[in-house]
Amino acid sequence: MRVSGTGMVLPGIGGPVRTAADFWRVVGSGRTCLSAFHHPDVPLRIAGRVPGWNPADELDVPPRVARRMARVTTMAVGAVQQALREAGLTGLDVSGDRTVLVVASMQFANQEAERYFDALARGGADELGMDYWLTGTPGSVASGLCSVLGIEVPTLSVTGGCNCSLRALEVAHLMLRSGDVDRAVVVGADVALDPVYLASTVHEGAGGFRASTLSPDPGAVRPHDEQQDGNAPGEGAIAVVLERSGPVRLRFRTSRRNGRNPVDAGKPDNVVADVTALLEAAGIGLDQLAFVSGFAEGTRNIEDLFCETVDLLRARSGYAGPLLLTNQEAAFGHISGCAGLIKFVAALLMFEHGSVAPVVGCRQPYHRLDATPLTSPAPVDGRHALVISTGAGGDATSLLIEHGEGGS
């Protein structure tokens, strides 16, 4: 398999991250793009917000067209537009039934809901019109992409937990492997900064779990660190153009036993079973992994679950050697519909640049973690990387990447 183009609209410093080069400058250096945030209804103080995003200017579309799209759709359009440009393609080039467009998002356009209800209360059906169908449904993101970029292809929408973009990548990969299509465009997008979502991330449950930090310091988000008090929500989109043949081999394992929220259950069994089956099917041991991109994100409950996962993986495999960890959650914040694809693209760039990027925000590694989170870049040693992305309900997707000649 080959990734012929990548594009994104992600939080940056001074402007959006749009290209693979922009992305690597952040990821490779271990920088954070989190910034101050204020919403009158919640005590959240920092978030991964895309600075200076003006769709009419960035997408080169008339203002009336930009106004008709939800913010999440404009970011998805920007990411796919850049990915196609990098691949040397136009909307016309990818049109036809040999290409598929797969859109992943956990919230879709949830931030639009308040506006819909206000419009309905203010003026009834005539005031609301078709806004819900145009901006608030899963299909609205795909239709917005196709109409603005002039793409005529079959489309799929994938949702679920925070692993949904990695699952979307898996679906596209299966279609490429089966020969159903010759090319796939996969985009993950979310704008997780609406009051309903934010209120849930700052709420602390009876078990002490709270997703978002209440600190005003962007440096407070610290995956794999001794000090942890939560993550930061974010917004953005990331897209890849995939071709059938190339130097990357992918193997996926998706959860076979769903139904338990990994945070509530506090048990790593499902994730470990998936990863073990994936590695055994590939004939790869933990000792052959150049690095692991895990699912801990700066929240102590999830960090402890990840520690238990590593312990159980070691016990089942009998491996006591080194495991290098990388993690980019603190670079852009937790963007549910993008998380898996961010890990995937970051991993590919690490192979390309020959450098494993550090864990953003990690200063003093967590004493319970039987692995080595990188606090500075390290050379890539090997051809395999393990990417794990988990979601609510116990749903998880594990990905083994083999980077080299003759992959598929």
Protein backbone atom coordinates (compact mmCIF):
# COMPACT_ATOMS: atom_id res chain seq x y z
CA MET A 1 0.00 0.00 0.00
CA ARG A 2 1.12 3.55 -0.63
CA VAL A 3 0.04 6.84 0.92
CA SER A 4 0.30 9.19 -2.04
CA GLY A 5 -1.03 12.28 -0.30
CA THR A 6 -1.73 13.66 3.18
CA GLY A 7 -3.52 16.80 4.21
CA MET A 8 -4.82 18.29 7.42
CA VAL A 9 -6.42 21.21 9.18
CA LEU A 10 -5.12 20.90 12.73
CA PRO A 11 -4.21 23.27 15.57
CA GLY A 12 -0.89 24.97 14.93
CA ILE A 13 1.23 27.81 16.24
CA GLY A 14 0.33 31.04 14.47
CA GLY A 15 -1.79 29.26 11.88
CA PRO A 16 -3.31 25.88 10.98
CA VAL A 17 -1.19 22.80 10.34
CA ARG A 18 -1.98 22.01 6.69
CA THR A 19 0.81 19.89 5.19
CA ALA A 20 2.89 16.87 6.14
CA ALA A 21 5.88 19.22 6.55
CA ASP A 22 3.90 21.41 8.98
CA PHE A 23 2.76 18.30 10.83
CA TRP A 24 6.29 16.92 11.20
CA ARG A 25 7.65 20.23 12.49
CA VAL A 26 5.21 19.87 15.39
CA VAL A 27 5.34 16.12 15.95
CA GLY A 28 9.07 15.64 15.34
CA SER A 29 10.00 18.36 17.81
CA GLY A 30 7.50 17.35 20.49
CA ARG A 31 5.76 20.74 20.54
CA THR A 32 2.27 21.42 21.81
CA CYS A 33 -0.23 23.48 19.82
CA LEU A 34 -2.77 23.71 22.66
CA SER A 35 -3.84 27.23 23.48
CA ALA A 36 -6.06 29.27 25.80
CA PHE A 37 -9.78 28.63 25.48
CA HIS A 38 -12.84 30.06 27.19
CA HIS A 39 -16.46 29.02 27.11
CA PRO A 40 -18.85 30.72 29.54
CA ASP A 41 -20.66 27.48 30.45
CA VAL A 42 -17.69 25.27 31.36
CA PRO A 43 -14.46 25.66 33.38
CA LEU A 44 -12.25 24.44 30.53
CA ARG A 45 -9.20 26.70 30.05
CA ILE A 46 -7.17 25.14 27.19
CA ALA A 47 -8.04 23.33 23.95
CA GLY A 48 -6.63 22.37 20.60
CA ARG A 49 -8.26 25.09 18.53
CA VAL A 50 -7.38 25.77 14.88
CA PRO A 51 -6.18 29.39 14.71
CA GLY A 52 -7.24 31.78 11.99
CA TRP A 53 -9.41 29.32 10.07
CA ASN A 54 -11.43 31.26 7.49
CA PRO A 55 -13.03 28.72 5.11
CA ALA A 56 -13.80 31.26 2.38
CA ASP A 57 -10.12 32.22 2.16
CA GLU A 58 -8.52 28.85 2.92
CA LEU A 59 -10.74 26.83 0.55
CA ASP A 60 -11.05 29.45 -2.17
CA VAL A 61 -14.84 29.18 -2.21
CA PRO A 62 -17.46 31.97 -2.22
CA PRO A 63 -18.47 33.15 1.29
CA ARG A 64 -22.04 31.95 0.71
CA VAL A 65 -20.74 28.41 0.07
CA ALA A 66 -18.55 28.53 3.19
CA ARG A 67 -21.49 29.72 5.29
CA ARG A 68 -23.61 26.77 4.20
CA MET A 69 -21.12 24.23 5.58
CA ALA A 70 -20.64 23.24 9.19
CA ARG A 71 -17.20 24.02 10.62
CA VAL A 72 -16.36 20.31 10.71
CA THR A 73 -17.16 20.03 6.99
CA THR A 74 -14.95 22.99 6.06
CA MET A 75 -12.04 21.39 7.89
CA ALA A 76 -12.64 18.03 6.21
CA VAL A 77 -12.72 19.78 2.83
CA GLY A 78 -9.46 21.57 3.61
CA ALA A 79 -7.73 18.32 4.64
CA VAL A 80 -8.88 16.36 1.56
CA GLN A 81 -8.10 19.28 -0.74
CA GLN A 82 -4.50 19.34 0.54
CA ALA A 83 -4.16 15.54 0.38
CA LEU A 84 -5.28 15.50 -3.25
CA ARG A 85 -2.93 18.37 -4.06
CA GLU A 86 0.00 16.49 -2.51
CA ALA A 87 -0.95 13.38 -4.50
CA GLY A 88 -1.04 15.44 -7.71
CA LEU A 89 -4.74 14.73 -8.17
CA THR A 90 -7.93 16.71 -8.79
CA GLY A 91 -11.52 15.88 -7.97
CA LEU A 92 -11.97 14.77 -11.56
CA ASP A 93 -8.98 12.41 -11.31
CA VAL A 94 -10.41 10.50 -8.36
CA SER A 95 -14.02 10.42 -9.58
CA GLY A 96 -15.48 7.07 -10.56
CA ASP A 97 -16.39 3.77 -8.95
CA ARG A 98 -12.73 2.68 -8.56
CA THR A 99 -12.24 5.23 -5.77
CA VAL A 100 -14.01 5.33 -2.39
CA LEU A 101 -14.31 8.21 0.08
CA VAL A 102 -14.49 7.17 3.74
CA VAL A 103 -15.35 9.82 6.34
CA ALA A 104 -14.80 9.19 10.07
CA SER A 105 -16.15 11.34 12.88
CA MET A 106 -17.41 10.74 16.39
CA GLN A 107 -19.46 13.89 16.88
CA PHE A 108 -19.96 15.01 13.27
CA ALA A 109 -21.55 18.45 13.42
CA ASN A 110 -22.78 18.31 17.00
CA GLN A 111 -21.73 21.91 17.57
CA GLU A 112 -24.52 22.94 15.17
CA ALA A 113 -27.33 21.43 17.27
CA GLU A 114 -27.88 24.47 19.50
CA ARG A 115 -28.34 26.62 16.42
CA TYR A 116 -30.95 24.21 15.01
CA PHE A 117 -33.08 24.30 18.16
CA ASP A 118 -32.79 28.08 18.42
CA ALA A 119 -33.92 28.45 14.80
CA LEU A 120 -36.85 26.07 15.31
CA ALA A 121 -37.98 27.89 18.46
CA ARG A 122 -37.57 31.26 16.82
CA GLY A 123 -39.33 30.70 13.53
CA GLY A 124 -40.45 27.10 13.23
CA ALA A 125 -39.80 24.85 10.25
CA ASP A 126 -39.46 27.76 7.83
CA GLU A 127 -36.66 29.27 9.91
CA LEU A 128 -34.82 25.95 10.23
CA GLY A 129 -35.26 24.94 6.60
CA MET A 130 -32.84 22.23 5.45
CA ASP A 131 -29.99 23.24 7.78
CA TYR A 132 -30.01 19.95 9.68
CA TRP A 133 -29.62 17.87 6.52
CA LEU A 134 -27.04 20.22 5.06
CA THR A 135 -24.77 20.54 8.09
CA GLY A 136 -25.76 18.22 10.94
CA THR A 137 -25.86 14.65 9.65
CA PRO A 138 -23.04 12.15 8.96
CA GLY A 139 -23.69 12.35 5.25
CA SER A 140 -23.42 16.14 5.23
CA VAL A 141 -19.64 15.96 5.66
CA ALA A 142 -19.25 13.58 2.72
CA SER A 143 -21.69 15.50 0.52
CA GLY A 144 -19.95 18.77 1.34
CA LEU A 145 -16.61 17.26 0.36
CA CYS A 146 -17.92 15.92 -2.92
CA SER A 147 -19.80 19.06 -3.93
CA VAL A 148 -17.03 21.54 -3.13
CA LEU A 149 -14.17 19.46 -4.58
CA GLY A 150 -16.09 18.07 -7.54
CA ILE A 151 -15.66 14.43 -6.52
CA GLU A 152 -18.09 11.79 -7.78
CA VAL A 153 -17.38 8.58 -5.86
CA PRO A 154 -19.10 6.08 -3.55
CA THR A 155 -18.95 7.31 0.06
CA LEU A 156 -18.99 5.70 3.49
CA SER A 157 -19.40 7.30 6.92
CA VAL A 158 -17.86 5.58 9.95
CA THR A 159 -18.56 6.54 13.54
CA GLY A 160 -18.17 4.88 16.94
CA GLY A 161 -15.59 5.59 19.62
CA CYS A 162 -12.30 7.46 19.49
CA ASN A 163 -10.84 4.70 17.29
CA CYS A 164 -13.28 5.47 14.46
CA SER A 165 -10.72 7.00 12.07
CA LEU A 166 -8.42 3.99 12.44
CA ARG A 167 -11.44 1.79 11.80
CA ALA A 168 -12.22 3.86 8.69
CA LEU A 169 -8.64 3.29 7.54
CA GLU A 170 -9.16 -0.43 8.07
CA VAL A 171 -12.35 -0.44 5.97
CA ALA A 172 -10.57 1.39 3.14
CA HIS A 173 -7.61 -0.98 3.36
CA LEU A 174 -9.90 -4.02 3.09
CA MET A 175 -11.50 -2.58 -0.05
CA LEU A 176 -8.09 -1.94 -1.58
CA ARG A 177 -6.83 -5.41 -0.68
CA SER A 178 -9.91 -7.09 -2.13
CA GLY A 179 -9.55 -5.19 -5.39
CA ASP A 180 -12.93 -3.47 -5.05
CA VAL A 181 -11.21 -0.11 -5.53
CA ASP A 182 -7.84 1.14 -6.75
CA ARG A 183 -7.74 4.25 -4.57
CA ALA A 184 -9.26 5.38 -1.27
CA VAL A 185 -9.54 8.79 0.33
CA VAL A 186 -9.93 8.59 4.11
CA VAL A 187 -10.64 11.64 6.25
CA GLY A 188 -11.24 11.96 9.98
CA ALA A 189 -12.81 15.16 11.28
CA ASP A 190 -14.36 16.49 14.47
CA VAL A 191 -15.07 19.81 16.15
CA ALA A 192 -15.31 18.74 19.77
CA LEU A 193 -15.69 22.21 21.26
CA ASP A 194 -19.46 22.48 21.70
CA PRO A 195 -20.88 23.04 25.20
CA VAL A 196 -22.54 19.61 25.50
CA TYR A 197 -19.31 17.74 24.76
CA LEU A 198 -17.16 20.06 26.86
CA ALA A 199 -19.44 19.77 29.89
CA SER A 200 -19.02 16.00 29.74
CA THR A 201 -15.23 16.19 29.53
CA VAL A 202 -14.89 18.41 32.60
CA HIS A 203 -17.37 16.44 34.72
CA GLU A 204 -15.72 14.23 37.32
CA GLY A 205 -17.52 10.93 37.84
CA ALA A 206 -17.89 8.95 41.04
CA GLY A 207 -14.81 6.93 40.12
CA GLY A 208 -12.66 10.06 39.83
CA PHE A 209 -12.51 10.06 36.03
CA ARG A 210 -12.43 13.43 34.28
CA ALA A 211 -11.34 13.61 30.65
CA SER A 212 -10.17 17.23 30.41
CA THR A 213 -7.69 19.12 32.54
CA LEU A 214 -8.93 22.31 34.21
CA SER A 215 -5.47 23.84 34.13
CA PRO A 216 -4.86 27.01 32.06
CA ASP A 217 -1.36 25.72 31.19
CA PRO A 218 -1.00 23.92 27.80
CA GLY A 219 1.92 22.03 29.34
CA ALA A 220 -0.44 20.39 31.83
CA VAL A 221 -1.41 17.67 29.32
CA ARG A 222 1.20 14.98 29.99
CA PRO A 223 0.71 11.45 28.62
CA HIS A 224 2.88 8.81 30.35
CA ASP A 225 4.05 11.41 32.88
CA GLU A 226 4.16 11.13 36.67
CA GLN A 227 1.85 14.17 36.90
CA GLN A 228 -1.48 13.85 35.07
CA ASP A 229 -4.84 15.54 35.48
CA GLY A 230 -6.51 15.25 32.09
CA ASN A 231 -6.37 15.90 28.39
CA ALA A 232 -7.59 18.80 26.26
CA PRO A 233 -10.37 18.54 23.65
CA GLY A 234 -9.73 19.83 20.16
CA GLU A 235 -10.92 20.32 16.62
CA GLY A 236 -9.55 19.50 13.20
CA ALA A 237 -9.34 17.10 10.29
CA ILE A 238 -6.71 14.85 8.69
CA ALA A 239 -6.88 13.02 5.36
CA VAL A 240 -4.86 10.45 3.42
CA VAL A 241 -5.01 9.24 -0.18
CA LEU A 242 -4.24 5.50 -0.40
CA GLU A 243 -3.13 3.53 -3.46
CA ARG A 244 -3.15 -0.26 -3.82
CA SER A 245 0.57 -0.98 -4.13
CA GLY A 246 3.50 0.52 -2.31
CA PRO A 247 6.10 0.15 0.45
CA VAL A 248 3.76 -0.08 3.46
CA ARG A 249 2.11 -3.25 4.76
CA LEU A 250 -0.79 -2.85 7.19
CA ARG A 251 -2.38 -5.45 9.45
CA PHE A 252 -5.43 -4.62 11.56
CA ARG A 253 -7.15 -6.27 14.48
CA THR A 254 -10.45 -4.84 15.66
CA SER A 255 -12.19 -5.71 18.89
CA ARG A 256 -13.94 -9.06 18.85
CA ARG A 257 -15.52 -8.60 22.28
CA ASN A 258 -17.16 -5.19 22.49
CA GLY A 259 -19.67 -3.93 25.02
CA ARG A 260 -17.46 -2.77 27.88
CA ASN A 261 -16.17 0.74 28.26
CA PRO A 262 -12.43 0.26 28.88
CA VAL A 263 -12.36 3.22 31.26
CA ASP A 264 -15.20 1.90 33.44
CA ALA A 265 -14.14 -1.72 33.29
CA GLY A 266 -10.53 -0.93 34.11
CA LYS A 267 -9.37 -4.21 32.55
CA PRO A 268 -7.01 -4.53 29.61
CA ASP A 269 -8.11 -8.02 28.49
CA ASN A 270 -9.84 -7.03 25.26
CA VAL A 271 -7.04 -4.76 24.03
CA VAL A 272 -4.37 -7.33 24.91
CA ALA A 273 -6.28 -10.10 23.15
CA ASP A 274 -6.51 -7.96 20.01
CA VAL A 275 -2.83 -6.98 20.03
CA THR A 276 -1.69 -10.55 20.78
CA ALA A 277 -3.74 -11.95 17.91
CA LEU A 278 -2.43 -9.24 15.58
CA LEU A 279 1.22 -9.87 16.40
CA GLU A 280 0.85 -13.66 16.25
CA ALA A 281 -0.85 -13.49 12.84
CA ALA A 282 2.01 -11.37 11.52
CA GLY A 283 4.70 -13.50 13.15
CA ILE A 284 6.04 -10.40 14.90
CA GLY A 285 7.21 -10.25 18.51
CA LEU A 286 7.32 -7.28 20.84
CA ASP A 287 11.10 -7.29 20.40
CA GLN A 288 10.66 -6.40 16.70
CA LEU A 289 8.69 -3.22 17.28
CA ALA A 290 10.57 -0.02 16.53
CA PHE A 291 8.03 1.86 18.64
CA VAL A 292 4.51 1.73 20.04
CA SER A 293 1.92 4.51 19.80
CA GLY A 294 -0.41 3.71 22.69
CA PHE A 295 -3.79 4.98 23.78
CA ALA A 296 -2.99 6.75 27.07
CA GLU A 297 -3.71 10.45 26.73
CA GLY A 298 -2.90 12.30 29.92
CA THR A 299 -5.78 11.09 32.10
CA ARG A 300 -4.68 8.97 35.05
CA ASN A 301 -7.47 6.36 34.71
CA ILE A 302 -6.62 5.65 31.10
CA GLU A 303 -2.89 5.75 31.83
CA ASP A 304 -3.33 3.05 34.47
CA LEU A 305 -5.31 0.96 31.99
CA PHE A 306 -2.47 1.32 29.49
CA CYS A 307 0.06 0.28 32.14
CA GLU A 308 -1.98 -2.84 32.86
CA THR A 309 -2.14 -3.52 29.13
CA VAL A 310 1.64 -3.36 28.80
CA ASP A 311 2.11 -5.60 31.85
CA LEU A 312 -0.29 -8.22 30.49
CA LEU A 313 1.23 -8.08 27.00
CA ARG A 314 4.65 -8.72 28.48
CA ALA A 315 3.35 -11.59 30.62
CA ARG A 316 1.60 -13.32 27.73
CA SER A 317 4.55 -12.94 25.36
CA GLY A 318 7.30 -13.59 27.91
CA TYR A 319 9.12 -10.47 26.71
CA ALA A 320 11.05 -8.39 29.24
CA GLY A 321 13.03 -6.21 26.86
CA PRO A 322 12.67 -2.54 25.91
CA LEU A 323 9.50 -0.98 24.48
CA LEU A 324 9.73 2.56 23.11
CA LEU A 325 6.59 4.69 23.35
CA THR A 326 5.55 7.77 21.42
CA ASN A 327 2.36 9.78 21.83
CA GLN A 328 1.06 12.99 20.20
CA GLU A 329 -2.14 13.59 22.21
CA ALA A 330 -0.70 16.70 23.82
CA ALA A 331 0.28 18.21 20.47
CA PHE A 332 -3.21 18.87 19.13
CA GLY A 333 -5.56 17.73 21.90
CA HIS A 334 -7.93 14.79 21.76
CA ILE A 335 -9.89 15.08 18.50
CA SER A 336 -12.02 11.95 18.53
CA GLY A 337 -12.57 11.62 14.79
CA CYS A 338 -8.88 12.29 14.01
CA ALA A 339 -7.01 10.44 16.76
CA GLY A 340 -6.28 7.20 14.91
CA LEU A 341 -5.27 8.86 11.64
CA ILE A 342 -2.98 11.28 13.49
CA LYS A 343 -1.19 8.26 14.99
CA PHE A 344 -1.01 6.58 11.58
CA VAL A 345 0.41 9.56 9.70
CA ALA A 346 2.82 10.34 12.54
CA ALA A 347 4.12 6.75 12.47
CA LEU A 348 4.70 6.84 8.70
CA LEU A 349 6.58 10.14 8.98
CA MET A 350 8.76 8.68 11.74
CA PHE A 351 9.85 5.91 9.38
CA GLU A 352 10.35 8.41 6.57
CA HIS A 353 12.51 10.70 8.72
CA GLY A 354 14.25 7.87 10.58
CA SER A 355 13.35 9.38 13.93
CA VAL A 356 10.87 8.30 16.59
CA ALA A 357 9.18 11.46 17.84
CA PRO A 358 9.04 12.14 21.58
CA VAL A 359 5.94 11.91 23.74
CA VAL A 360 4.58 15.45 23.75
CA GLY A 361 4.40 16.74 27.32
CA CYS A 362 6.15 13.86 29.08
CA ARG A 363 8.80 15.15 31.50
CA GLN A 364 9.14 12.46 34.18
CA PRO A 365 7.95 9.00 33.01
CA TYR A 366 5.20 7.41 35.09
CA HIS A 367 6.69 4.93 37.55
CA ARG A 368 4.01 2.27 36.88
CA LEU A 369 4.71 2.14 33.15
CA ASP A 370 6.91 -0.81 32.15
CA ALA A 371 8.00 0.86 28.92
CA THR A 372 10.06 3.88 27.84
CA PRO A 373 8.16 7.00 26.78
CA LEU A 374 10.59 9.07 24.73
CA THR A 375 11.32 12.52 26.14
CA SER A 376 13.53 13.35 23.15
CA PRO A 377 13.73 11.95 19.59
CA ALA A 378 15.40 8.58 19.02
CA PRO A 379 16.57 6.82 15.83
CA VAL A 380 14.13 4.34 14.28
CA ASP A 381 15.43 0.81 14.88
CA GLY A 382 13.33 -1.66 12.90
CA ARG A 383 10.53 -1.72 10.33
CA HIS A 384 7.49 -2.37 12.50
CA ALA A 385 5.30 -0.06 14.58
CA LEU A 386 2.25 -0.85 16.69
CA VAL A 387 -0.59 1.68 16.87
CA ILE A 388 -3.43 1.18 19.35
CA SER A 389 -6.58 3.30 19.43
CA THR A 390 -9.39 2.57 21.90
CA GLY A 391 -12.89 3.94 22.20
CA ALA A 392 -15.93 3.93 24.44
CA GLY A 393 -17.86 0.67 24.67
CA GLY A 394 -14.67 -1.39 24.65
CA ASP A 395 -14.23 -0.90 20.91
CA ALA A 396 -10.59 -0.83 19.87
CA THR A 397 -8.50 -1.03 16.71
CA SER A 398 -4.89 -2.15 16.67
CA LEU A 399 -2.67 -1.58 13.65
CA LEU A 400 0.67 -3.14 12.81
CA ILE A 401 2.69 -1.16 10.27
CA GLU A 402 5.54 -2.72 8.33
CA HIS A 403 7.49 -0.10 6.46
CA GLY A 404 9.75 -1.26 3.64
CA GLU A 405 9.85 -2.49 0.09
CA GLY A 406 7.02 -4.55 -1.35
CA GLY A 407 4.37 -3.85 1.28
CA SER A 408 0.63 -3.94 0.66
